[in-house]
Every structure is written in C-alpha cells, then in structure tokens.
N, C-alpha and C. Protein backbone atom coordinates (compact mmCIF):
# COMPACT_ATOMS: atom_id res chain seq x y z
N UNK A 1 24.06 4.37 17.14
CA UNK A 1 23.61 5.22 16.06
C UNK A 1 23.62 4.46 14.72
N UNK A 2 24.58 3.57 14.57
CA UNK A 2 24.67 2.80 13.33
C UNK A 2 23.45 1.89 13.15
N UNK A 3 22.98 1.31 14.26
CA UNK A 3 21.79 0.45 14.18
C UNK A 3 20.56 1.26 13.81
N UNK A 4 20.46 2.48 14.33
CA UNK A 4 19.32 3.34 13.99
C UNK A 4 19.32 3.67 12.51
N UNK A 5 20.46 4.04 11.98
CA UNK A 5 20.56 4.39 10.55
C UNK A 5 20.22 3.18 9.69
N UNK A 6 20.74 2.02 10.06
CA UNK A 6 20.45 0.81 9.31
C UNK A 6 18.95 0.50 9.33
N UNK A 7 18.34 0.59 10.48
CA UNK A 7 16.90 0.35 10.59
C UNK A 7 16.08 1.36 9.82
N UNK A 8 16.49 2.62 9.85
CA UNK A 8 15.78 3.67 9.13
C UNK A 8 15.85 3.44 7.62
N UNK A 9 17.03 3.09 7.13
CA UNK A 9 17.18 2.83 5.69
C UNK A 9 16.40 1.58 5.28
N UNK A 10 16.37 0.58 6.13
CA UNK A 10 15.60 -0.63 5.84
C UNK A 10 14.11 -0.31 5.77
N UNK A 11 13.63 0.51 6.70
CA UNK A 11 12.22 0.90 6.69
C UNK A 11 11.88 1.68 5.43
N UNK A 12 12.73 2.60 5.03
CA UNK A 12 12.49 3.35 3.79
C UNK A 12 12.48 2.43 2.58
N UNK A 13 13.37 1.45 2.57
CA UNK A 13 13.42 0.51 1.46
C UNK A 13 12.18 -0.34 1.35
N UNK A 14 11.52 -0.60 2.47
CA UNK A 14 10.30 -1.40 2.44
C UNK A 14 9.06 -0.56 2.15
N UNK A 15 9.08 0.71 2.51
CA UNK A 15 7.90 1.56 2.37
C UNK A 15 7.87 2.31 1.04
N UNK A 16 8.99 2.83 0.60
CA UNK A 16 9.01 3.71 -0.57
C UNK A 16 8.62 3.06 -1.89
N UNK A 17 9.08 1.87 -2.21
CA UNK A 17 8.74 1.34 -3.54
C UNK A 17 7.28 0.91 -3.60
N UNK A 18 6.46 1.74 -4.20
CA UNK A 18 5.05 1.41 -4.35
C UNK A 18 4.84 0.60 -5.62
N UNK A 19 4.22 -0.53 -5.50
CA UNK A 19 3.93 -1.34 -6.66
C UNK A 19 2.72 -0.80 -7.40
N UNK A 20 2.50 -1.34 -8.57
CA UNK A 20 1.38 -0.91 -9.41
C UNK A 20 0.05 -1.15 -8.69
N UNK A 21 -0.07 -2.29 -8.04
CA UNK A 21 -1.32 -2.60 -7.34
C UNK A 21 -1.56 -1.61 -6.21
N UNK A 22 -0.53 -1.27 -5.45
CA UNK A 22 -0.68 -0.34 -4.34
C UNK A 22 -1.08 1.04 -4.83
N UNK A 23 -0.49 1.48 -5.92
CA UNK A 23 -0.84 2.79 -6.48
C UNK A 23 -2.29 2.78 -6.96
N UNK A 24 -2.71 1.68 -7.60
CA UNK A 24 -4.10 1.58 -8.06
C UNK A 24 -5.08 1.63 -6.90
N UNK A 25 -4.80 0.87 -5.85
CA UNK A 25 -5.69 0.86 -4.68
C UNK A 25 -5.72 2.25 -4.03
N UNK A 26 -4.58 2.89 -3.92
CA UNK A 26 -4.53 4.23 -3.35
C UNK A 26 -5.34 5.22 -4.19
N UNK A 27 -5.19 5.16 -5.50
CA UNK A 27 -5.94 6.06 -6.38
C UNK A 27 -7.44 5.82 -6.28
N UNK A 28 -7.85 4.57 -6.21
CA UNK A 28 -9.28 4.28 -6.08
C UNK A 28 -9.83 4.81 -4.76
N UNK A 29 -9.05 4.68 -3.72
CA UNK A 29 -9.48 5.20 -2.42
C UNK A 29 -9.58 6.72 -2.43
N UNK A 30 -8.70 7.37 -3.17
CA UNK A 30 -8.71 8.83 -3.23
C UNK A 30 -9.81 9.35 -4.15
N UNK A 31 -10.13 8.60 -5.20
CA UNK A 31 -11.10 9.07 -6.20
C UNK A 31 -12.55 8.82 -5.75
N UNK A 32 -12.79 7.68 -5.12
CA UNK A 32 -14.16 7.30 -4.77
C UNK A 32 -14.70 8.20 -3.65
N UNK A 33 -15.95 8.63 -3.79
CA UNK A 33 -16.51 9.54 -2.79
C UNK A 33 -16.84 8.88 -1.45
N UNK A 34 -17.11 7.59 -1.46
CA UNK A 34 -17.46 6.91 -0.21
C UNK A 34 -16.60 5.66 -0.05
N UNK A 35 -16.51 5.20 1.17
CA UNK A 35 -15.73 4.00 1.48
C UNK A 35 -16.34 2.77 0.82
N UNK A 36 -17.67 2.73 0.74
CA UNK A 36 -18.34 1.56 0.16
C UNK A 36 -17.97 1.34 -1.30
N UNK A 37 -17.70 2.42 -2.03
CA UNK A 37 -17.34 2.28 -3.44
C UNK A 37 -15.89 1.85 -3.61
N UNK A 38 -15.04 2.10 -2.65
CA UNK A 38 -13.64 1.68 -2.72
C UNK A 38 -13.43 0.30 -2.12
N UNK A 39 -14.41 -0.20 -1.41
CA UNK A 39 -14.27 -1.49 -0.72
C UNK A 39 -14.04 -2.67 -1.66
N UNK A 40 -14.72 -2.79 -2.81
CA UNK A 40 -14.46 -3.94 -3.70
C UNK A 40 -13.01 -4.02 -4.17
N UNK A 41 -12.41 -2.88 -4.45
CA UNK A 41 -11.00 -2.87 -4.88
C UNK A 41 -10.12 -3.34 -3.74
N UNK A 42 -10.39 -2.89 -2.55
CA UNK A 42 -9.59 -3.28 -1.39
C UNK A 42 -9.72 -4.77 -1.10
N UNK A 43 -10.93 -5.29 -1.16
CA UNK A 43 -11.15 -6.71 -0.89
C UNK A 43 -10.48 -7.57 -1.96
N UNK A 44 -10.63 -7.18 -3.23
CA UNK A 44 -10.02 -7.94 -4.32
C UNK A 44 -8.49 -7.97 -4.19
N UNK A 45 -7.90 -6.82 -3.89
CA UNK A 45 -6.44 -6.76 -3.72
C UNK A 45 -6.01 -7.60 -2.52
N UNK A 46 -6.79 -7.58 -1.45
CA UNK A 46 -6.44 -8.37 -0.26
C UNK A 46 -6.49 -9.87 -0.56
N UNK A 47 -7.53 -10.29 -1.28
CA UNK A 47 -7.66 -11.71 -1.63
C UNK A 47 -6.53 -12.14 -2.55
N UNK A 48 -6.19 -11.32 -3.53
CA UNK A 48 -5.09 -11.65 -4.45
C UNK A 48 -3.76 -11.75 -3.71
N UNK A 49 -3.52 -10.85 -2.76
CA UNK A 49 -2.28 -10.91 -1.99
C UNK A 49 -2.24 -12.13 -1.09
N UNK A 50 -3.38 -12.51 -0.56
CA UNK A 50 -3.44 -13.68 0.33
C UNK A 50 -3.18 -14.97 -0.43
N UNK A 51 -3.78 -15.07 -1.61
CA UNK A 51 -3.60 -16.29 -2.42
C UNK A 51 -2.18 -16.34 -2.94
C-alpha cells in the first residue's frame, strides 16, 4: 500500500503543475473552433520543447 501511495503522489506531482505554455496551448485548443486553427500552436510548442 505504501508503494501505491508513493506512486500516486508522484503522478499527481508530475501532472498537476501546469506551466504557462501548457495552459496557453490548452486555452488555444479550447477556444479555436477547428483542429486546423489550433495546430500551429501545438506544432510550435512541440518544436520548442524538442529543441
């Protein structure tokens, strides 16, 4: 049970803190009416994270 709790807390620690970039990408995806309009933001963020 201790390992489960440790793993659960670790997962929450990795998922919960949303950075500014993640919030921006999420907002653009929610605001844009089609996937094609949100795609440039997603590609740009992906390239920046890769570099």
